[in-house]
């Protein structure tokens, strides 16, 4: 780490008395590094991971003291859906078929079964969780709370005859 200025050292020493434990730990890391302590030793003293200390030191070097002492969101900056819009539509079409069509011993879809079949059919590039399938269906406006049986009859009169059953 580079040499601290007098102003930075003063702010870090003030930070040791802060009410926020996040600020105190960051100040401890930076001051220990300025004293010449090695990263693994700092991590051991503070009970954290080596990478945490390296991240703090790197952020200090790149963004300065104020940014380093400010807590950021721990959420990933971008979240990539494993099931895109095209795959969602393919998933909807898949769920409107019987699981028996795909060699399954049941006629009712579950989220786990949908995840398994969507991977086997190439709709998803990797095996996804049932929660991923639920979120994908949610983006299509389908709320999934229990197993689904969405089989429709090829009978042209099916919709007219089934009005009372779905109302």
Protein backbone atom coordinates (compact mmCIF):
# COMPACT_ATOMS: atom_id res chain seq x y z
CA UNK A 1 0.00 0.00 0.00
CA UNK A 2 1.18 3.53 -0.66
CA UNK A 3 2.27 5.88 2.14
CA UNK A 4 -0.65 7.56 3.96
CA UNK A 5 -0.90 11.33 4.05
CA UNK A 6 -1.23 13.03 7.44
CA UNK A 7 -4.87 13.85 6.66
CA UNK A 8 -5.65 10.22 5.72
CA UNK A 9 -3.91 8.91 8.83
CA UNK A 10 -5.91 11.35 10.99
CA UNK A 11 -9.20 10.29 9.39
CA UNK A 12 -8.33 6.62 9.86
CA UNK A 13 -7.48 7.14 13.53
CA UNK A 14 -10.79 8.97 14.00
CA UNK A 15 -12.51 6.09 12.26
CA UNK A 16 -11.24 3.71 14.94
CA UNK A 17 -13.74 5.39 17.30
CA UNK A 18 -16.67 5.25 14.86
CA UNK A 19 -20.00 3.75 15.91
CA UNK A 20 -20.17 1.64 12.74
CA UNK A 21 -18.14 -1.57 13.05
CA UNK A 22 -17.72 -1.62 9.25
CA UNK A 23 -15.78 1.67 9.36
CA UNK A 24 -13.73 0.57 12.37
CA UNK A 25 -12.64 -2.67 10.67
CA UNK A 26 -11.73 -0.87 7.44
CA UNK A 27 -9.67 1.64 9.38
CA UNK A 28 -7.92 -1.16 11.26
CA UNK A 29 -7.07 -2.89 7.95
CA UNK A 30 -5.67 0.25 6.35
CA UNK A 31 -3.66 1.31 9.40
CA UNK A 32 -2.22 -2.20 9.82
CA UNK A 33 -1.21 -2.26 6.17
CA UNK A 34 0.38 1.19 6.53
CA UNK A 35 2.44 -0.20 9.46
CA UNK A 36 3.76 -2.88 7.11
CA UNK A 37 1.67 -5.83 8.30
CA UNK A 38 1.14 -8.56 5.71
CA UNK A 39 -2.31 -9.30 4.39
CA UNK A 40 -2.62 -12.79 5.97
CA UNK A 41 -1.58 -11.39 9.35
CA UNK A 42 -4.12 -8.54 9.12
CA UNK A 43 -6.84 -11.01 8.19
CA UNK A 44 -5.91 -13.25 11.12
CA UNK A 45 -5.92 -10.33 13.57
CA UNK A 46 -9.33 -9.14 12.42
CA UNK A 47 -10.87 -12.57 11.93
CA UNK A 48 -11.65 -12.16 8.26
CA UNK A 49 -10.57 -13.61 4.93
CA UNK A 50 -7.33 -12.60 3.18
CA UNK A 51 -9.34 -11.61 0.11
CA UNK A 52 -11.42 -9.18 2.16
CA UNK A 53 -8.27 -7.32 3.20
CA UNK A 54 -6.94 -7.33 -0.37
CA UNK A 55 -10.25 -5.94 -1.65
CA UNK A 56 -10.16 -3.11 0.91
CA UNK A 57 -6.56 -2.21 0.04
CA UNK A 58 -7.29 -2.29 -3.68
CA UNK A 59 -10.38 -0.12 -3.26
CA UNK A 60 -8.36 2.37 -1.19
CA UNK A 61 -5.71 2.57 -3.94
CA UNK A 62 -8.23 2.93 -6.76
CA UNK A 63 -11.02 5.02 -5.24
CA UNK A 64 -9.56 6.76 -2.21
CA UNK A 65 -10.30 6.82 1.49
CA UNK A 66 -13.87 8.13 1.41
CA UNK A 67 -15.03 5.43 -1.02
CA UNK A 68 -13.17 2.76 0.92
CA UNK A 69 -14.96 3.63 4.16
CA UNK A 70 -18.40 3.69 2.53
CA UNK A 71 -20.46 0.51 2.64
CA UNK A 72 -21.64 -0.73 -0.75
CA UNK A 73 -24.42 -3.10 -1.59
CA UNK A 74 -23.34 -6.73 -1.46
CA UNK A 75 -25.71 -7.58 -4.30
CA UNK A 76 -24.14 -8.51 -7.60
CA UNK A 77 -24.04 -5.51 -9.98
CA UNK A 78 -25.84 -7.40 -12.72
CA UNK A 79 -28.07 -10.39 -12.44
CA UNK A 80 -28.34 -12.55 -15.51
CA UNK A 81 -31.45 -14.65 -15.83
CA UNK A 82 -30.60 -18.25 -16.65
CA UNK A 83 -33.88 -18.49 -18.54
CA UNK A 84 -34.23 -15.70 -21.13
CA UNK A 85 -37.46 -14.53 -22.78
CA UNK A 86 -37.25 -17.06 -25.62
CA UNK A 87 -36.61 -19.91 -23.19
CA UNK A 88 -39.54 -18.71 -21.05
CA UNK A 89 -41.88 -19.10 -24.00
CA UNK A 90 -40.40 -22.52 -24.78
CA UNK A 91 -40.91 -23.43 -21.13
CA UNK A 92 -44.55 -22.34 -21.30
CA UNK A 93 -45.06 -24.53 -24.38
CA UNK A 94 -43.33 -27.41 -22.63
CA UNK A 95 -45.62 -27.13 -19.61
CA UNK A 96 -48.70 -27.30 -21.82
CA UNK A 97 -47.70 -30.85 -22.73
CA UNK A 98 -47.96 -33.89 -20.52
CA UNK A 99 -44.81 -34.91 -18.64
CA UNK A 100 -45.57 -38.42 -19.92
CA UNK A 101 -44.63 -37.14 -23.40
CA UNK A 102 -41.08 -36.85 -22.06
CA UNK A 103 -41.08 -40.31 -20.48
CA UNK A 104 -42.01 -39.22 -16.96
CA UNK A 105 -44.28 -41.41 -14.81
CA UNK A 106 -46.68 -38.60 -13.87
CA UNK A 107 -49.15 -36.37 -15.67
CA UNK A 108 -48.64 -33.40 -13.33
CA UNK A 109 -45.80 -30.87 -13.59
CA UNK A 110 -43.77 -29.86 -10.57
CA UNK A 111 -41.08 -27.16 -10.60
CA UNK A 112 -38.37 -29.78 -10.09
CA UNK A 113 -39.70 -31.87 -12.96
CA UNK A 114 -39.95 -28.80 -15.21
CA UNK A 115 -36.32 -27.92 -14.42
CA UNK A 116 -35.19 -31.46 -15.21
CA UNK A 117 -37.09 -31.70 -18.50
CA UNK A 118 -36.18 -28.17 -19.62
CA UNK A 119 -32.50 -29.10 -19.31
CA UNK A 120 -33.00 -32.45 -21.05
CA UNK A 121 -34.83 -30.71 -23.91
CA UNK A 122 -32.18 -28.00 -24.28
CA UNK A 123 -34.38 -25.11 -23.14
CA UNK A 124 -31.87 -24.27 -20.42
CA UNK A 125 -28.12 -24.57 -20.95
CA UNK A 126 -27.57 -26.06 -17.50
CA UNK A 127 -29.59 -27.79 -14.82
CA UNK A 128 -31.43 -24.99 -13.01
CA UNK A 129 -33.23 -24.95 -9.67
CA UNK A 130 -36.95 -25.10 -9.13
CA UNK A 131 -36.78 -21.48 -7.95
CA UNK A 132 -35.29 -20.43 -11.30
CA UNK A 133 -38.22 -22.08 -13.09
CA UNK A 134 -40.70 -20.39 -10.72
CA UNK A 135 -39.15 -16.98 -11.41
CA UNK A 136 -39.17 -17.60 -15.17
CA UNK A 137 -42.85 -18.46 -15.04
CA UNK A 138 -43.45 -15.39 -12.90
CA UNK A 139 -41.98 -13.20 -15.66
CA UNK A 140 -44.66 -14.69 -17.92
CA UNK A 141 -47.36 -13.75 -15.41
CA UNK A 142 -47.90 -17.32 -14.15
CA UNK A 143 -47.99 -17.77 -10.38
CA UNK A 144 -46.90 -21.24 -9.41
CA UNK A 145 -47.92 -22.52 -6.02
CA UNK A 146 -48.55 -26.21 -6.62
CA UNK A 147 -48.30 -28.90 -9.26
CA UNK A 148 -49.93 -27.95 -12.58
CA UNK A 149 -52.06 -29.98 -14.92
CA UNK A 150 -52.46 -27.87 -18.05
CA UNK A 151 -53.46 -30.52 -20.53
CA UNK A 152 -56.05 -29.45 -23.08
CA UNK A 153 -58.10 -31.60 -25.37
CA UNK A 154 -57.75 -31.50 -29.16
CA UNK A 155 -61.59 -31.47 -29.29
CA UNK A 156 -62.72 -28.23 -31.01
CA UNK A 157 -65.60 -27.99 -28.49
CA UNK A 158 -63.27 -28.38 -25.49
CA UNK A 159 -63.15 -24.68 -24.60
CA UNK A 160 -66.93 -24.26 -24.85
CA UNK A 161 -67.64 -27.44 -22.87
CA UNK A 162 -65.02 -26.62 -20.19
CA UNK A 163 -66.26 -23.08 -19.38
CA UNK A 164 -68.03 -24.16 -16.20
CA UNK A 165 -65.05 -26.19 -14.95
CA UNK A 166 -62.64 -23.21 -15.05
CA UNK A 167 -65.02 -20.48 -13.88
